[in-house]
C-alpha atoms as a PDB file:
ATOM      1  CA  MET A   1     176.572  92.728  83.400  1.00  0.00           C
ATOM      2  CA  THR A   2     175.078  90.046  85.614  1.00  0.00           C
ATOM      3  CA  THR A   3     176.679  89.068  88.948  1.00  0.00           C
ATOM      4  CA  TYR A   4     175.864  85.590  90.261  1.00  0.00           C
ATOM      5  CA  GLY A   5     176.542  84.841  93.823  1.00  0.00           C
ATOM      6  CA  LEU A   6     176.500  81.096  94.891  1.00  0.00           C
ATOM      7  CA  LEU A   7     176.313  80.408  98.526  1.00  0.00           C
ATOM      8  CA  ILE A   8     178.363  77.528  99.866  1.00  0.00           C
ATOM      9  CA  PHE A   9     178.658  76.013 103.310  1.00  0.00           C
ATOM     10  CA  ASP A  10     179.988  72.863 105.050  1.00  0.00           C
ATOM     11  CA  GLU A  11     177.984  69.754 103.800  1.00  0.00           C
ATOM     12  CA  VAL A  12     176.772  71.493 100.661  1.00  0.00           C
ATOM     13  CA  GLU A  13     176.053  69.136  97.800  1.00  0.00           C
ATOM     14  CA  GLU A  14     178.662  69.612  95.185  1.00  0.00           C
ATOM     15  CA  LEU A  15     176.724  69.580  91.924  1.00  0.00           C
ATOM     16  CA  ASP A  16     174.015  71.855  93.279  1.00  0.00           C
ATOM     17  CA  PHE A  17     176.429  74.709  92.943  1.00  0.00           C
ATOM     18  CA  ALA A  18     179.011  73.405  90.562  1.00  0.00           C
ATOM     19  CA  GLY A  19     176.425  72.587  87.799  1.00  0.00           C
ATOM     20  CA  PRO A  20     174.894  76.163  87.827  1.00  0.00           C
ATOM     21  CA  TRP A  21     178.336  77.559  88.117  1.00  0.00           C
ATOM     22  CA  GLU A  22     179.253  75.860  84.856  1.00  0.00           C
ATOM     23  CA  VAL A  23     176.055  77.281  83.221  1.00  0.00           C
ATOM     24  CA  PHE A  24     176.655  80.790  84.419  1.00  0.00           C
ATOM     25  CA  THR A  25     180.372  80.996  83.611  1.00  0.00           C
ATOM     26  CA  ALA A  26     179.836  79.397  80.132  1.00  0.00           C
ATOM     27  CA  SER A  27     177.096  82.053  79.664  1.00  0.00           C
ATOM     28  CA  SER A  28     179.573  84.805  80.641  1.00  0.00           C
ATOM     29  CA  ARG A  29     182.207  83.432  78.226  1.00  0.00           C
ATOM     30  CA  LEU A  30     179.767  83.520  75.352  1.00  0.00           C
ATOM     31  CA  ARG A  31     178.841  87.084  76.227  1.00  0.00           C
ATOM     32  CA  GLY A  32     182.457  88.256  76.255  1.00  0.00           C
ATOM     33  CA  ASP A  33     183.211  87.637  79.886  1.00  0.00           C
ATOM     34  CA  VAL A  34     181.065  90.570  80.908  1.00  0.00           C
ATOM     35  CA  ASP A  35     179.398  88.662  83.772  1.00  0.00           C
ATOM     36  CA  LYS A  36     180.905  87.460  86.990  1.00  0.00           C
ATOM     37  CA  ALA A  37     180.189  84.418  89.249  1.00  0.00           C
ATOM     38  CA  VAL A  38     181.433  84.294  92.825  1.00  0.00           C
ATOM     39  CA  LEU A  39     181.309  81.830  95.598  1.00  0.00           C
ATOM     40  CA  ILE A  40     180.161  83.272  98.995  1.00  0.00           C
ATOM     41  CA  ALA A  41     180.374  81.636 102.426  1.00  0.00           C
ATOM     42  CA  GLU A  42     179.978  82.746 105.994  1.00  0.00           C
ATOM     43  CA  THR A  43     183.760  83.225 106.120  1.00  0.00           C
ATOM     44  CA  THR A  44     186.518  82.846 103.542  1.00  0.00           C
ATOM     45  CA  ASP A  45     187.739  79.680 105.138  1.00  0.00           C
ATOM     46  CA  ALA A  46     187.664  76.414 103.096  1.00  0.00           C
ATOM     47  CA  VAL A  47     184.263  74.675 102.917  1.00  0.00           C
ATOM     48  CA  ARG A  48     184.124  70.934 103.131  1.00  0.00           C
ATOM     49  CA  CYS A  49     181.244  69.657 100.749  1.00  0.00           C
ATOM     50  CA  ALA A  50     178.941  66.727 101.234  1.00  0.00           C
ATOM     51  CA  LYS A  51     181.048  64.321  99.169  1.00  0.00           C
ATOM     52  CA  GLY A  52     184.435  65.544 100.514  1.00  0.00           C
ATOM     53  CA  MET A  53     185.327  68.274  98.038  1.00  0.00           C
ATOM     54  CA  ARG A  54     187.088  71.229  99.636  1.00  0.00           C
ATOM     55  CA  VAL A  55     186.297  74.683  98.094  1.00  0.00           C
ATOM     56  CA  LEU A  56     187.623  78.158  98.826  1.00  0.00           C
ATOM     57  CA  PRO A  57     184.920  80.893  98.776  1.00  0.00           C
ATOM     58  CA  ASP A  58     185.715  84.188  96.947  1.00  0.00           C
ATOM     59  CA  HIS A  59     183.938  86.322  99.452  1.00  0.00           C
ATOM     60  CA  SER A  60     182.322  86.301 102.878  1.00  0.00           C
ATOM     61  CA  VAL A  61     178.752  87.184 103.517  1.00  0.00           C
ATOM     62  CA  THR A  62     180.002  90.486 105.047  1.00  0.00           C
ATOM     63  CA  GLU A  63     182.049  91.495 101.978  1.00  0.00           C
ATOM     64  CA  HIS A  64     180.984  90.692  98.373  1.00  0.00           C
ATOM     65  CA  PRO A  65     179.772  92.516  95.252  1.00  0.00           C
ATOM     66  CA  ALA A  66     176.094  93.403  94.779  1.00  0.00           C
ATOM     67  CA  LEU A  67     174.343  90.418  93.365  1.00  0.00           C
ATOM     68  CA  ASP A  68     171.809  90.254  90.558  1.00  0.00           C
ATOM     69  CA  VAL A  69     171.287  86.496  91.128  1.00  0.00           C
ATOM     70  CA  LEU A  70     171.541  84.588  94.462  1.00  0.00           C
ATOM     71  CA  LEU A  71     171.736  80.832  94.333  1.00  0.00           C
ATOM     72  CA  VAL A  72     171.225  78.651  97.395  1.00  0.00           C
ATOM     73  CA  PRO A  73     172.228  75.036  96.896  1.00  0.00           C
ATOM     74  CA  GLY A  74     171.192  72.014  98.990  1.00  0.00           C
ATOM     75  CA  GLY A  75     172.663  69.157 100.796  1.00  0.00           C
ATOM     76  CA  TYR A  76     172.723  67.978 104.431  1.00  0.00           C
ATOM     77  CA  GLY A  77     173.930  71.533 105.482  1.00  0.00           C
ATOM     78  CA  ALA A  78     170.919  73.122 103.785  1.00  0.00           C
ATOM     79  CA  ARG A  79     168.406  70.775 105.440  1.00  0.00           C
ATOM     80  CA  VAL A  80     169.847  70.382 108.962  1.00  0.00           C
ATOM     81  CA  ILE A  81     172.601  72.813 109.835  1.00  0.00           C
ATOM     82  CA  GLN A  82     172.258  76.156 108.157  1.00  0.00           C
ATOM     83  CA  PRO A  83     168.558  76.668 108.868  1.00  0.00           C
ATOM     84  CA  HIS A  84     169.596  77.308 112.507  1.00  0.00           C
ATOM     85  CA  ASN A  85     172.299  79.678 111.544  1.00  0.00           C
ATOM     86  CA  ALA A  86     170.975  83.141 111.939  1.00  0.00           C
ATOM     87  CA  VAL A  87     173.992  84.688 110.168  1.00  0.00           C
ATOM     88  CA  ILE A  88     173.161  82.819 107.020  1.00  0.00           C
ATOM     89  CA  THR A  89     169.389  83.023 107.132  1.00  0.00           C
ATOM     90  CA  GLU A  90     169.392  86.741 107.756  1.00  0.00           C
ATOM     91  CA  TRP A  91     171.906  87.235 104.949  1.00  0.00           C
ATOM     92  CA  ILE A  92     169.817  85.242 102.479  1.00  0.00           C
ATOM     93  CA  ALA A  93     166.697  87.188 103.470  1.00  0.00           C
ATOM     94  CA  GLY A  94     168.473  90.542 102.953  1.00  0.00           C
ATOM     95  CA  THR A  95     170.246  89.552  99.715  1.00  0.00           C
ATOM     96  CA  ALA A  96     167.116  88.031  98.200  1.00  0.00           C
ATOM     97  CA  ALA A  97     165.302  91.237  98.853  1.00  0.00           C
ATOM     98  CA  THR A  98     167.614  93.195  96.664  1.00  0.00           C
ATOM     99  CA  ALA A  99     168.649  90.579  93.993  1.00  0.00           C
ATOM    100  CA  ALA A 100     166.769  90.454  90.759  1.00  0.00           C
ATOM    101  CA  TRP A 101     166.518  86.630  91.042  1.00  0.00           C
ATOM    102  CA  THR A 102     166.866  83.989  93.766  1.00  0.00           C
ATOM    103  CA  VAL A 103     167.491  80.373  92.876  1.00  0.00           C
ATOM    104  CA  GLY A 104     167.232  77.342  95.092  1.00  0.00           C
ATOM    105  CA  VAL A 105     168.574  73.952  94.113  1.00  0.00           C
ATOM    106  CA  CYS A 106     167.539  70.673  95.628  1.00  0.00           C
ATOM    107  CA  THR A 107     167.084  71.016  99.439  1.00  0.00           C
ATOM    108  CA  GLY A 108     168.194  74.558  99.261  1.00  0.00           C
ATOM    109  CA  ALA A 109     164.515  75.057  99.493  1.00  0.00           C
ATOM    110  CA  PHE A 110     164.727  74.323 103.172  1.00  0.00           C
ATOM    111  CA  LEU A 111     167.246  77.056 103.769  1.00  0.00           C
ATOM    112  CA  LEU A 112     165.100  79.444 101.606  1.00  0.00           C
ATOM    113  CA  HIS A 113     162.201  78.480 103.792  1.00  0.00           C
ATOM    114  CA  ALA A 114     164.067  79.229 107.002  1.00  0.00           C
ATOM    115  CA  ALA A 115     165.098  82.605 105.671  1.00  0.00           C
ATOM    116  CA  GLY A 116     161.336  83.351 104.760  1.00  0.00           C
ATOM    117  CA  VAL A 117     162.060  83.635 101.063  1.00  0.00           C
ATOM    118  CA  ALA A 118     160.138  80.506 100.039  1.00  0.00           C
ATOM    119  CA  ARG A 119     157.130  81.105 102.355  1.00  0.00           C
ATOM    120  CA  GLY A 120     153.897  81.624 100.538  1.00  0.00           C
ATOM    121  CA  ARG A 121     155.556  80.389  97.287  1.00  0.00           C
ATOM    122  CA  ARG A 122     155.396  77.329  94.970  1.00  0.00           C
ATOM    123  CA  VAL A 123     158.673  75.421  95.213  1.00  0.00           C
ATOM    124  CA  ALA A 124     160.430  72.300  94.123  1.00  0.00           C
ATOM    125  CA  THR A 125     162.858  70.202  96.104  1.00  0.00           C
ATOM    126  CA  HIS A 126     164.540  66.794  96.030  1.00  0.00           C
ATOM    127  CA  ARG A 127     161.944  64.138  95.703  1.00  0.00           C
ATOM    128  CA  ASN A 128     163.078  62.431  98.922  1.00  0.00           C
ATOM    129  CA  TYR A 129     162.297  65.465 100.928  1.00  0.00           C
ATOM    130  CA  GLU A 130     159.110  66.875  99.472  1.00  0.00           C
ATOM    131  CA  ASP A 131     157.023  65.611 102.412  1.00  0.00           C
ATOM    132  CA  ASP A 132     159.467  67.037 104.962  1.00  0.00           C
ATOM    133  CA  LEU A 133     159.358  70.544 103.310  1.00  0.00           C
ATOM    134  CA  GLU A 134     155.631  70.385 103.037  1.00  0.00           C
ATOM    135  CA  ARG A 135     155.358  69.596 106.826  1.00  0.00           C
ATOM    136  CA  LEU A 136     157.106  72.992 107.499  1.00  0.00           C
ATOM    137  CA  GLY A 137     154.051  74.809 106.238  1.00  0.00           C
ATOM    138  CA  GLU A 138     153.588  78.007 104.477  1.00  0.00           C
ATOM    139  CA  VAL A 139     154.818  76.568 101.209  1.00  0.00           C
ATOM    140  CA  THR A 140     153.306  74.724  98.177  1.00  0.00           C
ATOM    141  CA  VAL A 141     155.548  71.952  97.161  1.00  0.00           C
ATOM    142  CA  VAL A 142     155.326  71.117  93.424  1.00  0.00           C
ATOM    143  CA  ARG A 143     156.145  67.467  92.869  1.00  0.00           C
ATOM    144  CA  ASP A 144     155.780  67.014  89.076  1.00  0.00           C
ATOM    145  CA  ALA A 145     158.110  69.788  87.710  1.00  0.00           C
ATOM    146  CA  ARG A 146     161.851  69.710  87.272  1.00  0.00           C
ATOM    147  CA  TYR A 147     161.924  73.324  88.254  1.00  0.00           C
ATOM    148  CA  VAL A 148     159.463  75.904  89.328  1.00  0.00           C
ATOM    149  CA  VAL A 149     159.342  79.646  88.594  1.00  0.00           C
ATOM    150  CA  ALA A 150     157.307  81.668  91.143  1.00  0.00           C
ATOM    151  CA  GLY A 151     157.910  85.394  90.618  1.00  0.00           C
ATOM    152  CA  ASN A 152     161.496  86.049  90.926  1.00  0.00           C
ATOM    153  CA  LEU A 153     162.144  82.768  92.796  1.00  0.00           C
ATOM    154  CA  VAL A 154     163.293  79.679  90.862  1.00  0.00           C
ATOM    155  CA  THR A 155     163.613  76.339  92.651  1.00  0.00           C
ATOM    156  CA  SER A 156     164.504  72.985  91.236  1.00  0.00           C
ATOM    157  CA  GLN A 157     164.307  69.346  92.098  1.00  0.00           C
ATOM    158  CA  GLY A 158     167.317  67.340  93.083  1.00  0.00           C
ATOM    159  CA  VAL A 159     171.036  67.925  92.310  1.00  0.00           C
ATOM    160  CA  SER A 160     171.184  67.767  88.512  1.00  0.00           C
ATOM    161  CA  ALA A 161     167.897  69.658  88.106  1.00  0.00           C
ATOM    162  CA  GLY A 162     169.831  72.776  89.166  1.00  0.00           C
ATOM    163  CA  ILE A 163     171.512  72.764  85.654  1.00  0.00           C
ATOM    164  CA  ASP A 164     168.119  72.883  84.138  1.00  0.00           C
ATOM    165  CA  SER A 165     166.904  75.797  86.245  1.00  0.00           C
ATOM    166  CA  ALA A 166     170.276  77.673  85.599  1.00  0.00           C
ATOM    167  CA  LEU A 167     169.768  77.239  81.829  1.00  0.00           C
ATOM    168  CA  TRP A 168     166.195  78.528  82.123  1.00  0.00           C
ATOM    169  CA  LEU A 169     167.525  81.539  84.039  1.00  0.00           C
ATOM    170  CA  VAL A 170     170.208  82.570  81.547  1.00  0.00           C
ATOM    171  CA  GLY A 171     167.539  82.229  78.921  1.00  0.00           C
ATOM    172  CA  ALA A 172     165.226  84.583  80.824  1.00  0.00           C
ATOM    173  CA  LEU A 173     168.160  87.027  81.327  1.00  0.00           C
ATOM    174  CA  HIS A 174     169.695  86.897  77.995  1.00  0.00           C
ATOM    175  CA  GLY A 175     167.399  85.231  75.527  1.00  0.00           C
ATOM    176  CA  ARG A 176     166.424  81.585  74.596  1.00  0.00           C
ATOM    177  CA  ASP A 177     168.948  81.513  71.734  1.00  0.00           C
ATOM    178  CA  HIS A 178     171.680  82.434  74.163  1.00  0.00           C
ATOM    179  CA  ALA A 179     170.561  79.596  76.563  1.00  0.00           C
ATOM    180  CA  ARG A 180     170.561  77.240  73.690  1.00  0.00           C
ATOM    181  CA  ALA A 181     174.161  78.190  72.820  1.00  0.00           C
ATOM    182  CA  VAL A 182     175.181  77.653  76.412  1.00  0.00           C
ATOM    183  CA  ARG A 183     173.566  74.194  76.337  1.00  0.00           C
ATOM    184  CA  ARG A 184     175.563  73.346  73.128  1.00  0.00           C
ATOM    185  CA  VAL A 185     178.807  74.589  74.695  1.00  0.00           C
ATOM    186  CA  LEU A 186     178.123  72.311  77.803  1.00  0.00           C
ATOM    187  CA  GLN A 187     177.000  69.381  75.542  1.00  0.00           C
ATOM    188  CA  TYR A 188     174.171  69.092  77.918  1.00  0.00           C
ATOM    189  CA  ASP A 189     171.755  66.561  76.242  1.00  0.00           C
ATOM    190  CA  PRO A 190     170.964  64.054  78.938  1.00  0.00           C
ATOM    191  CA  ALA A 191     170.755  60.500  77.948  1.00  0.00           C
ATOM    192  CA  PRO A 192     171.050  58.314  81.086  1.00  0.00           C
ATOM    193  CA  PRO A 193     172.055  54.747  80.389  1.00  0.00           C
ATOM    194  CA  TYR A 194     169.692  53.484  83.233  1.00  0.00           C
ATOM    195  CA  LEU A 195     166.299  54.807  84.083  1.00  0.00           C
ATOM    196  CA  ALA A 196     165.968  56.063  87.648  1.00  0.00           C
ATOM    197  CA  ASP A 197     162.509  54.591  88.361  1.00  0.00           C
ATOM    198  CA  GLU A 198     162.087  51.528  86.402  1.00  0.00           C
ATOM    199  CA  PRO A 199     164.056  48.743  84.700  1.00  0.00           C
ATOM    200  CA  LEU A 200     164.864  49.066  81.007  1.00  0.00           C
ATOM    201  CA  ILE A 201     162.963  46.768  78.636  1.00  0.00           C
ATOM    202  CA  ASP A 202     164.716  45.594  75.452  1.00  0.00           C
ATOM    203  CA  PRO A 203     162.803  45.020  72.182  1.00  0.00           C
ATOM    204  CA  ALA A 204     162.537  41.377  72.774  1.00  0.00           C
ATOM    205  CA  GLY A 205     160.723  42.028  76.121  1.00  0.00           C
ATOM    206  CA  SER A 206     163.414  40.830  78.516  1.00  0.00           C
ATOM    207  CA  ARG A 207     164.154  42.988  81.545  1.00  0.00           C
ATOM    208  CA  ASP A 208     167.411  44.735  82.276  1.00  0.00           C
ATOM    209  CA  PRO A 209     169.891  42.027  83.198  1.00  0.00           C
ATOM    210  CA  LEU A 210     171.516  44.341  85.763  1.00  0.00           C
ATOM    211  CA  ASN A 211     168.321  44.578  87.776  1.00  0.00           C
ATOM    212  CA  HIS A 212     168.412  41.694  90.230  1.00  0.00           C
ATOM    213  CA  CYS A 213     165.071  42.543  91.871  1.00  0.00           C
ATOM    214  CA  GLN A 214     162.971  41.109  89.069  1.00  0.00           C
END
């Protein structure tokens, strides 16, 4: 049995935890529902996420099952608010010390840094905040990898990259064939209609007509 604990807090980025949650719970379903995923927050009060979603935690940081995997998502709360919350940073440090794996998604790396877990490690974070994380010191920011594995710490780039790192993790825990089966269940085969960094070029050589900055 694998128990996944996903930390949530006010101003957490929704997909940072909801994407991995889908991976972990789909994995459990394929394994006969032997695993468990739980949402953990400072209290059991509703959490207001970055885009407005309201979520009820399953447990507080003072009462939850033992965790095999701790996941720390990102968002404004992870970068600006929670690093100064000793209750949360101390809980992360203590939980990471006993969990088999710790996972950081997006700017969750800032919270892992504040808790001491990311210090001295290679980590990934959202591309817009790589310089800010590097300026904190005691960390090597990897800029050219969707996710980074450093011992038992897995960190990913922004938002959707957390799905990739979660799939890697269920593969590490339960085998590559199992991870591929999870991927098929989720129909996770990204084919974005618009490239993030450059305009599309059609076969005739004309630029994407939706790009008005030509």
